[in-house]
């Protein structure tokens, strides 16, 4: 079943390469298309030198809004280190972008927890040489604490694995259900443009995935299946002897992600701070994302000994760690009322449910061989007011 062809502007070498591969193979799964668009070693969006984050890039992340985000994450890491009470504490961060979250965490630990900073090792798992170069410059002041690794070159004996807005950029399979049969979206080259074609799902992993998940899209709805995410979480759990996993991203539990009202799925693209749902335009020049299935991350983590310790909205996570107290301090230190007001408006983006990042963004904290500690981020608003 051939679907409507969306408008496209593509003059890049990557677009030409994808057209060639789609023609040669008679079409490719959307997951393969997305993987090449984002991670082709020469032309992929994340692999080529470009500004991706911040005002001059395509999107903002929580860590690019203000250093307070990283400072509060560091506060949770301090408590995790206290729970582990080991001679060393390892932080492994994957997909750290330009290194700003790592910088804010390391700055905060050096200032607020110097004893922990002294026994700390910070590893960045990063595929992009462009990002590694940028991270190296950003983190120059902490050069003695920072190392880099590929996806298989790290392990944690005592520490925390951290990711912020990583899993949403994993390549996803796109599916629809018609007449009770699961169909998969293929990308084909037709008349010099990319077109979509629905075919009966030949990949048995898709049926097994939804059966394992216990949830699936309903008749007529389009949805994404991130087959890579559960396997990623299992590998993380297997590489940790004792410690925590903190995953920050936008997404939902499965029952909400595949709810009947979500008819078109969650696939979105970002270019110069403009969002659209057309991944076939400006291929290699814009980000492509899909909302994260946190049920799949929790379920797969549990299979390798990662217990869910806390899961909730980002605004609850930040409030529990002292967001308002820190905001008051920052406002008091502002040189003018105008700058204090600007700071307040900026930081509200981190916790606002609708217009900001506060509700759509979730935080999942898992632990392996750590017991059931009461995490700082789990403090309720009432407890904070009384504390």
Protein backbone atom coordinates (compact mmCIF):
# COMPACT_ATOMS: atom_id res chain seq x y z
CA UNK A 1 0.00 0.00 0.00
CA UNK A 2 1.67 3.23 -1.21
CA UNK A 3 1.00 6.27 0.97
CA UNK A 4 1.06 10.00 0.28
CA UNK A 5 4.44 11.52 -0.60
CA UNK A 6 5.32 14.41 1.75
CA UNK A 7 7.03 17.57 0.39
CA UNK A 8 10.80 17.31 0.25
CA UNK A 9 13.91 19.40 -0.34
CA UNK A 10 16.95 17.16 -0.59
CA UNK A 11 20.20 17.99 -2.34
CA UNK A 12 22.60 16.31 0.06
CA UNK A 13 24.95 13.39 -0.61
CA UNK A 14 23.16 11.48 2.14
CA UNK A 15 19.78 11.81 0.40
CA UNK A 16 21.33 10.55 -2.82
CA UNK A 17 22.87 7.61 -0.98
CA UNK A 18 19.57 6.71 0.67
CA UNK A 19 17.74 6.87 -2.66
CA UNK A 20 20.35 4.52 -4.12
CA UNK A 21 20.05 2.04 -1.26
CA UNK A 22 16.25 2.15 -1.25
CA UNK A 23 16.16 1.42 -4.98
CA UNK A 24 18.70 -1.40 -4.74
CA UNK A 25 16.84 -3.09 -1.87
CA UNK A 26 13.33 -2.38 -3.13
CA UNK A 27 12.71 -0.29 -0.05
CA UNK A 28 14.07 -0.13 3.51
CA UNK A 29 12.42 -0.18 6.90
CA UNK A 30 11.93 3.20 8.50
CA UNK A 31 14.31 2.08 11.25
CA UNK A 32 17.08 1.61 8.67
CA UNK A 33 16.27 4.96 7.07
CA UNK A 34 16.35 6.75 10.44
CA UNK A 35 19.59 5.03 11.45
CA UNK A 36 21.35 6.26 8.31
CA UNK A 37 19.82 9.74 8.48
CA UNK A 38 21.10 10.21 12.02
CA UNK A 39 24.20 8.00 12.28
CA UNK A 40 25.73 7.48 8.84
CA UNK A 41 29.46 7.74 9.68
CA UNK A 42 30.14 10.39 7.04
CA UNK A 43 26.86 12.25 6.51
CA UNK A 44 24.58 11.45 9.48
CA UNK A 45 22.99 14.28 11.47
CA UNK A 46 24.76 13.35 14.71
CA UNK A 47 28.07 12.48 13.08
CA UNK A 48 28.88 15.62 11.07
CA UNK A 49 30.20 18.90 12.54
CA UNK A 50 27.23 21.16 13.24
CA UNK A 51 25.57 23.14 16.01
CA UNK A 52 22.74 20.94 17.27
CA UNK A 53 21.97 22.27 20.76
CA UNK A 54 21.18 25.80 21.95
CA UNK A 55 20.19 29.02 20.22
CA UNK A 56 22.44 28.42 17.22
CA UNK A 57 21.31 24.80 16.85
CA UNK A 58 18.10 22.91 16.28
CA UNK A 59 16.76 22.24 19.77
CA UNK A 60 17.26 22.87 23.48
CA UNK A 61 17.89 20.22 26.12
CA UNK A 62 17.30 20.57 29.85
CA UNK A 63 21.04 20.93 30.43
CA UNK A 64 21.26 23.72 27.85
CA UNK A 65 18.57 25.78 29.61
CA UNK A 66 20.61 26.48 32.76
CA UNK A 67 23.40 24.94 34.86
CA UNK A 68 20.85 24.41 37.66
CA UNK A 69 19.61 21.23 35.97
CA UNK A 70 23.04 19.60 36.19
CA UNK A 71 23.54 20.87 39.73
CA UNK A 72 20.34 19.16 40.87
CA UNK A 73 21.25 15.94 39.07
CA UNK A 74 24.61 16.12 40.89
CA UNK A 75 22.75 16.34 44.19
CA UNK A 76 21.05 13.04 43.44
CA UNK A 77 24.40 11.52 42.43
CA UNK A 78 25.89 12.56 45.79
CA UNK A 79 23.20 10.61 47.61
CA UNK A 80 23.76 7.60 45.35
CA UNK A 81 27.47 7.67 46.22
CA UNK A 82 26.56 7.74 49.91
CA UNK A 83 24.34 4.69 49.46
CA UNK A 84 27.13 2.79 47.69
CA UNK A 85 29.84 3.98 50.13
CA UNK A 86 32.67 2.58 47.99
CA UNK A 87 36.24 3.78 47.53
CA UNK A 88 35.47 5.04 44.04
CA UNK A 89 32.37 6.34 42.25
CA UNK A 90 31.95 6.00 38.50
CA UNK A 91 29.62 8.10 36.37
CA UNK A 92 29.10 6.87 32.83
CA UNK A 93 27.11 9.21 30.59
CA UNK A 94 26.03 8.18 27.10
CA UNK A 95 25.01 10.67 24.44
CA UNK A 96 26.32 13.70 26.31
CA UNK A 97 26.00 16.10 23.36
CA UNK A 98 28.53 18.90 23.71
CA UNK A 99 29.32 18.03 27.33
CA UNK A 100 27.34 20.72 29.14
CA UNK A 101 25.53 18.35 31.50
CA UNK A 102 28.83 16.69 32.40
CA UNK A 103 30.37 20.12 33.01
CA UNK A 104 27.55 21.26 35.28
CA UNK A 105 27.66 18.00 37.25
CA UNK A 106 31.44 18.11 37.66
CA UNK A 107 31.42 21.81 38.58
CA UNK A 108 28.75 21.16 41.21
CA UNK A 109 30.54 18.15 42.68
CA UNK A 110 33.86 19.98 42.82
CA UNK A 111 32.18 22.82 44.71
CA UNK A 112 29.63 21.03 46.90
CA UNK A 113 31.13 17.53 47.36
CA UNK A 114 34.93 17.81 47.01
CA UNK A 115 35.57 14.48 48.77
CA UNK A 116 33.36 12.69 46.23
CA UNK A 117 34.92 14.65 43.37
CA UNK A 118 38.36 13.46 44.48
CA UNK A 119 37.39 9.77 44.05
CA UNK A 120 35.27 10.25 40.95
CA UNK A 121 35.77 8.94 37.41
CA UNK A 122 33.52 10.32 34.63
CA UNK A 123 33.28 8.39 31.36
CA UNK A 124 31.52 9.70 28.26
CA UNK A 125 30.20 7.07 25.86
CA UNK A 126 30.26 8.91 22.55
CA UNK A 127 30.28 7.73 18.91
CA UNK A 128 30.58 11.13 17.23
CA UNK A 129 34.13 12.45 16.83
CA UNK A 130 32.67 15.95 16.46
CA UNK A 131 30.96 15.63 19.85
CA UNK A 132 34.10 14.17 21.44
CA UNK A 133 36.08 17.17 20.24
CA UNK A 134 33.47 19.60 21.59
CA UNK A 135 33.22 17.73 24.90
CA UNK A 136 36.99 17.79 25.31
CA UNK A 137 37.01 21.58 25.00
CA UNK A 138 34.02 22.13 27.27
CA UNK A 139 35.43 19.83 29.96
CA UNK A 140 39.04 21.04 29.82
CA UNK A 141 38.94 22.19 33.45
CA UNK A 142 38.11 18.61 34.52
CA UNK A 143 40.47 16.84 32.10
CA UNK A 144 41.93 14.65 34.82
CA UNK A 145 38.50 13.25 35.69
CA UNK A 146 37.11 12.57 32.22
CA UNK A 147 37.64 9.70 29.77
CA UNK A 148 35.87 8.51 26.62
CA UNK A 149 34.61 5.10 25.60
CA UNK A 150 32.71 3.32 22.87
CA UNK A 151 29.47 1.48 23.64
CA UNK A 152 31.20 -1.71 24.80
CA UNK A 153 34.31 -0.33 26.51
CA UNK A 154 32.90 0.60 29.91
CA UNK A 155 31.68 -1.09 33.09
CA UNK A 156 30.58 0.10 36.52
CA UNK A 157 31.63 -1.59 39.75
CA UNK A 158 30.12 1.19 41.87
CA UNK A 159 28.42 4.21 40.35
CA UNK A 160 25.68 5.49 38.05
CA UNK A 161 24.93 5.23 34.35
CA UNK A 162 23.31 8.45 33.10
CA UNK A 163 21.58 9.51 29.89
CA UNK A 164 19.66 12.67 29.03
CA UNK A 165 17.63 12.76 25.81
CA UNK A 166 19.38 9.79 24.25
CA UNK A 167 16.82 7.02 23.80
CA UNK A 168 14.41 9.26 21.84
CA UNK A 169 16.97 9.28 19.01
CA UNK A 170 17.27 5.49 18.72
CA UNK A 171 16.01 4.32 15.29
CA UNK A 172 12.42 3.09 15.48
CA UNK A 173 10.27 0.79 13.41
CA UNK A 174 6.98 2.40 12.35
CA UNK A 175 3.93 0.16 12.27
CA UNK A 176 0.19 0.28 11.64
CA UNK A 177 -2.48 -2.33 12.26
CA UNK A 178 -5.05 -3.00 9.53
CA UNK A 179 -7.66 -5.77 9.58
CA UNK A 180 -5.98 -7.05 12.72
CA UNK A 181 -2.65 -7.54 10.93
CA UNK A 182 0.52 -5.66 11.89
CA UNK A 183 2.04 -3.82 8.94
CA UNK A 184 5.43 -2.12 8.82
CA UNK A 185 6.34 1.14 7.11
CA UNK A 186 8.97 0.93 4.38
CA UNK A 187 10.68 3.89 2.72
CA UNK A 188 10.96 3.64 -1.06
CA UNK A 189 12.45 5.85 -3.75
CA UNK A 190 9.81 6.92 -6.24
CA UNK A 191 10.39 9.50 -8.96
CA UNK A 192 13.30 11.11 -7.12
CA UNK A 193 11.46 11.50 -3.80
CA UNK A 194 11.03 9.34 -0.72
CA UNK A 195 7.64 7.68 -0.36
CA UNK A 196 6.06 5.43 2.26
CA UNK A 197 4.77 1.94 1.66
CA UNK A 198 2.98 -0.32 4.12
CA UNK A 199 3.87 -3.99 3.96
CA UNK A 200 2.90 -6.92 6.11
CA UNK A 201 5.48 -7.04 8.89
CA UNK A 202 8.07 -9.65 7.91
CA UNK A 203 10.24 -9.03 10.97
CA UNK A 204 9.02 -11.48 13.61
CA UNK A 205 10.72 -9.37 16.28
CA UNK A 206 7.88 -6.84 16.02
CA UNK A 207 5.16 -9.34 16.96
CA UNK A 208 7.37 -10.72 19.74
CA UNK A 209 8.09 -7.20 20.99
CA UNK A 210 4.43 -6.25 21.42
CA UNK A 211 3.62 -9.64 22.96
CA UNK A 212 6.49 -9.16 25.45
CA UNK A 213 5.39 -5.60 26.16
CA UNK A 214 1.78 -6.61 26.72
CA UNK A 215 0.54 -3.57 24.80
CA UNK A 216 0.14 -2.71 21.11
CA UNK A 217 -1.34 -0.07 18.80
CA UNK A 218 -5.04 -0.44 18.04
CA UNK A 219 -6.62 -0.90 14.62
CA UNK A 220 -5.81 1.96 12.22
CA UNK A 221 -3.29 3.70 14.46
CA UNK A 222 0.31 4.42 13.55
CA UNK A 223 2.95 3.84 16.23
CA UNK A 224 6.68 3.36 16.75
CA UNK A 225 8.48 0.30 18.11
CA UNK A 226 11.92 1.01 19.56
CA UNK A 227 13.40 -2.49 19.44
CA UNK A 228 16.86 -1.18 20.29
CA UNK A 229 15.89 0.39 23.63
CA UNK A 230 15.18 -2.80 25.66
CA UNK A 231 18.36 -4.43 24.39
CA UNK A 232 20.31 -1.28 25.29
CA UNK A 233 18.91 -1.39 28.82
CA UNK A 234 19.75 -5.08 29.20
CA UNK A 235 23.36 -4.40 28.16
CA UNK A 236 23.59 -1.56 30.69
CA UNK A 237 22.34 -3.80 33.48
CA UNK A 238 24.84 -6.50 32.57
CA UNK A 239 27.72 -3.99 32.74
CA UNK A 240 26.85 -2.78 36.25
CA UNK A 241 27.94 -4.78 39.28
CA UNK A 242 26.42 -2.43 41.83
CA UNK A 243 24.90 0.95 41.12
CA UNK A 244 22.19 3.03 39.53
CA UNK A 245 20.78 3.93 36.13
CA UNK A 246 19.23 7.35 35.58
CA UNK A 247 17.35 7.84 32.30
CA UNK A 248 15.93 11.29 31.48
CA UNK A 249 13.88 11.68 28.32
CA UNK A 250 10.47 12.55 26.95
CA UNK A 251 7.99 9.73 26.70
CA UNK A 252 5.23 7.74 28.36
CA UNK A 253 4.40 4.34 29.83
CA UNK A 254 3.26 1.89 27.16
CA UNK A 255 -0.46 2.18 27.89
CA UNK A 256 -0.27 5.92 27.26
CA UNK A 257 2.16 5.73 24.34
CA UNK A 258 -0.17 3.35 22.49
CA UNK A 259 -3.42 4.91 23.71
CA UNK A 260 -6.27 5.05 21.15
CA UNK A 261 -6.14 8.85 20.86
CA UNK A 262 -2.49 8.78 19.74
CA UNK A 263 -3.45 7.96 16.17
CA UNK A 264 -0.36 9.23 14.31
CA UNK A 265 2.39 8.11 16.69
CA UNK A 266 4.98 10.46 18.17
CA UNK A 267 7.62 10.84 15.45
CA UNK A 268 8.96 14.42 15.31
CA UNK A 269 11.79 16.29 13.58
CA UNK A 270 13.65 19.43 14.66
CA UNK A 271 15.50 21.96 12.53
CA UNK A 272 16.43 25.48 13.64
CA UNK A 273 13.97 25.22 16.55
CA UNK A 274 11.09 24.39 14.22
CA UNK A 275 9.26 21.10 14.76
CA UNK A 276 7.62 19.05 12.01
CA UNK A 277 6.63 15.46 11.33
CA UNK A 278 8.35 15.04 7.94
CA UNK A 279 11.57 12.98 8.23
CA UNK A 280 12.02 12.90 4.43
CA UNK A 281 12.79 16.60 4.07
CA UNK A 282 16.37 17.91 4.63
CA UNK A 283 17.63 14.40 5.28
CA UNK A 284 20.74 14.51 7.45
CA UNK A 285 20.16 18.15 8.37
CA UNK A 286 17.61 17.72 11.16
CA UNK A 287 16.98 15.60 14.20
CA UNK A 288 14.44 12.75 14.11
CA UNK A 289 12.96 11.52 17.40
CA UNK A 290 10.19 9.39 18.87
CA UNK A 291 8.84 9.37 22.41
CA UNK A 292 10.37 6.78 24.73
CA UNK A 293 8.44 3.76 26.01
CA UNK A 294 9.35 3.75 29.70
CA UNK A 295 7.46 0.52 30.31
CA UNK A 296 9.88 -1.25 27.95
CA UNK A 297 12.88 0.25 29.77
CA UNK A 298 11.56 -0.78 33.18
CA UNK A 299 10.61 -4.28 32.05
CA UNK A 300 13.88 -5.02 30.26
CA UNK A 301 15.88 -3.55 33.14
CA UNK A 302 14.10 -5.82 35.61
CA UNK A 303 15.19 -8.83 33.53
CA UNK A 304 18.85 -8.06 34.30
CA UNK A 305 18.49 -7.10 37.95
CA UNK A 306 17.68 -3.40 37.61
CA UNK A 307 14.90 -2.58 40.06
CA UNK A 308 12.77 0.51 39.49
CA UNK A 309 13.45 2.85 42.41
CA UNK A 310 11.63 5.93 41.12
CA UNK A 311 9.73 6.99 38.01
CA UNK A 312 7.97 10.28 37.45
CA UNK A 313 7.78 13.61 35.70
CA UNK A 314 10.86 15.80 35.46
CA UNK A 315 9.23 18.57 37.46
CA UNK A 316 8.69 16.22 40.42
CA UNK A 317 12.29 15.04 40.15
CA UNK A 318 13.65 18.60 40.19
CA UNK A 319 11.35 19.81 42.95
CA UNK A 320 12.40 16.90 45.13
CA UNK A 321 16.04 17.86 44.67
CA UNK A 322 15.49 21.46 45.74
CA UNK A 323 14.60 23.36 42.58
CA UNK A 324 12.70 26.14 44.34
CA UNK A 325 15.35 26.64 47.01
CA UNK A 326 18.04 26.99 44.36
CA UNK A 327 15.87 29.30 42.28
CA UNK A 328 15.46 31.64 45.26
CA UNK A 329 19.24 31.72 45.73
CA UNK A 330 19.87 32.45 42.05
CA UNK A 331 17.27 35.21 41.98
CA UNK A 332 18.76 36.81 45.11
CA UNK A 333 22.20 36.80 43.48
CA UNK A 334 20.95 38.38 40.23
CA UNK A 335 22.35 41.90 39.74
CA UNK A 336 18.96 43.39 38.86
CA UNK A 337 15.25 42.65 39.10
CA UNK A 338 15.08 42.47 35.31
CA UNK A 339 17.74 39.74 35.22
CA UNK A 340 16.07 37.92 38.11
CA UNK A 341 12.79 37.91 36.18
CA UNK A 342 14.50 36.66 33.03
CA UNK A 343 16.17 33.88 35.03
CA UNK A 344 12.85 32.88 36.59
CA UNK A 345 11.16 32.67 33.19
CA UNK A 346 14.03 30.62 31.77
CA UNK A 347 14.08 28.12 34.61
CA UNK A 348 10.31 27.69 34.52
CA UNK A 349 10.86 25.81 31.24
CA UNK A 350 12.34 22.95 33.25
CA UNK A 351 9.21 22.40 35.35
CA UNK A 352 6.22 23.83 33.46
CA UNK A 353 3.85 20.95 32.61
CA UNK A 354 2.40 22.28 29.36
CA UNK A 355 4.65 24.84 27.68
CA UNK A 356 7.92 23.58 29.17
CA UNK A 357 9.69 20.29 29.80
CA UNK A 358 8.23 19.49 33.19
CA UNK A 359 5.60 16.85 32.41
CA UNK A 360 6.40 15.26 29.04
CA UNK A 361 9.95 14.67 30.25
CA UNK A 362 10.25 11.74 32.63
CA UNK A 363 12.99 10.43 34.89
CA UNK A 364 13.53 6.73 35.50
CA UNK A 365 15.91 5.70 38.30
CA UNK A 366 16.82 2.03 38.57
CA UNK A 367 19.20 0.26 40.93
CA UNK A 368 21.15 -2.99 40.98
CA UNK A 369 22.24 -4.53 44.26
CA UNK A 370 21.53 -1.29 46.14
CA UNK A 371 18.48 -2.23 48.17
CA UNK A 372 15.53 0.16 48.24
CA UNK A 373 16.93 3.56 49.26
CA UNK A 374 14.59 6.52 49.65
CA UNK A 375 15.94 8.81 46.96
CA UNK A 376 16.11 12.57 47.39
CA UNK A 377 14.20 13.06 44.13
CA UNK A 378 11.24 11.17 45.62
CA UNK A 379 10.54 13.87 48.23
CA UNK A 380 7.00 15.17 47.92
CA UNK A 381 6.19 18.87 47.72
CA UNK A 382 4.70 18.72 51.23
CA UNK A 383 7.85 17.11 52.62
CA UNK A 384 9.96 19.79 50.95
CA UNK A 385 7.88 22.57 52.50
CA UNK A 386 8.24 21.00 55.94
CA UNK A 387 11.92 20.08 55.54
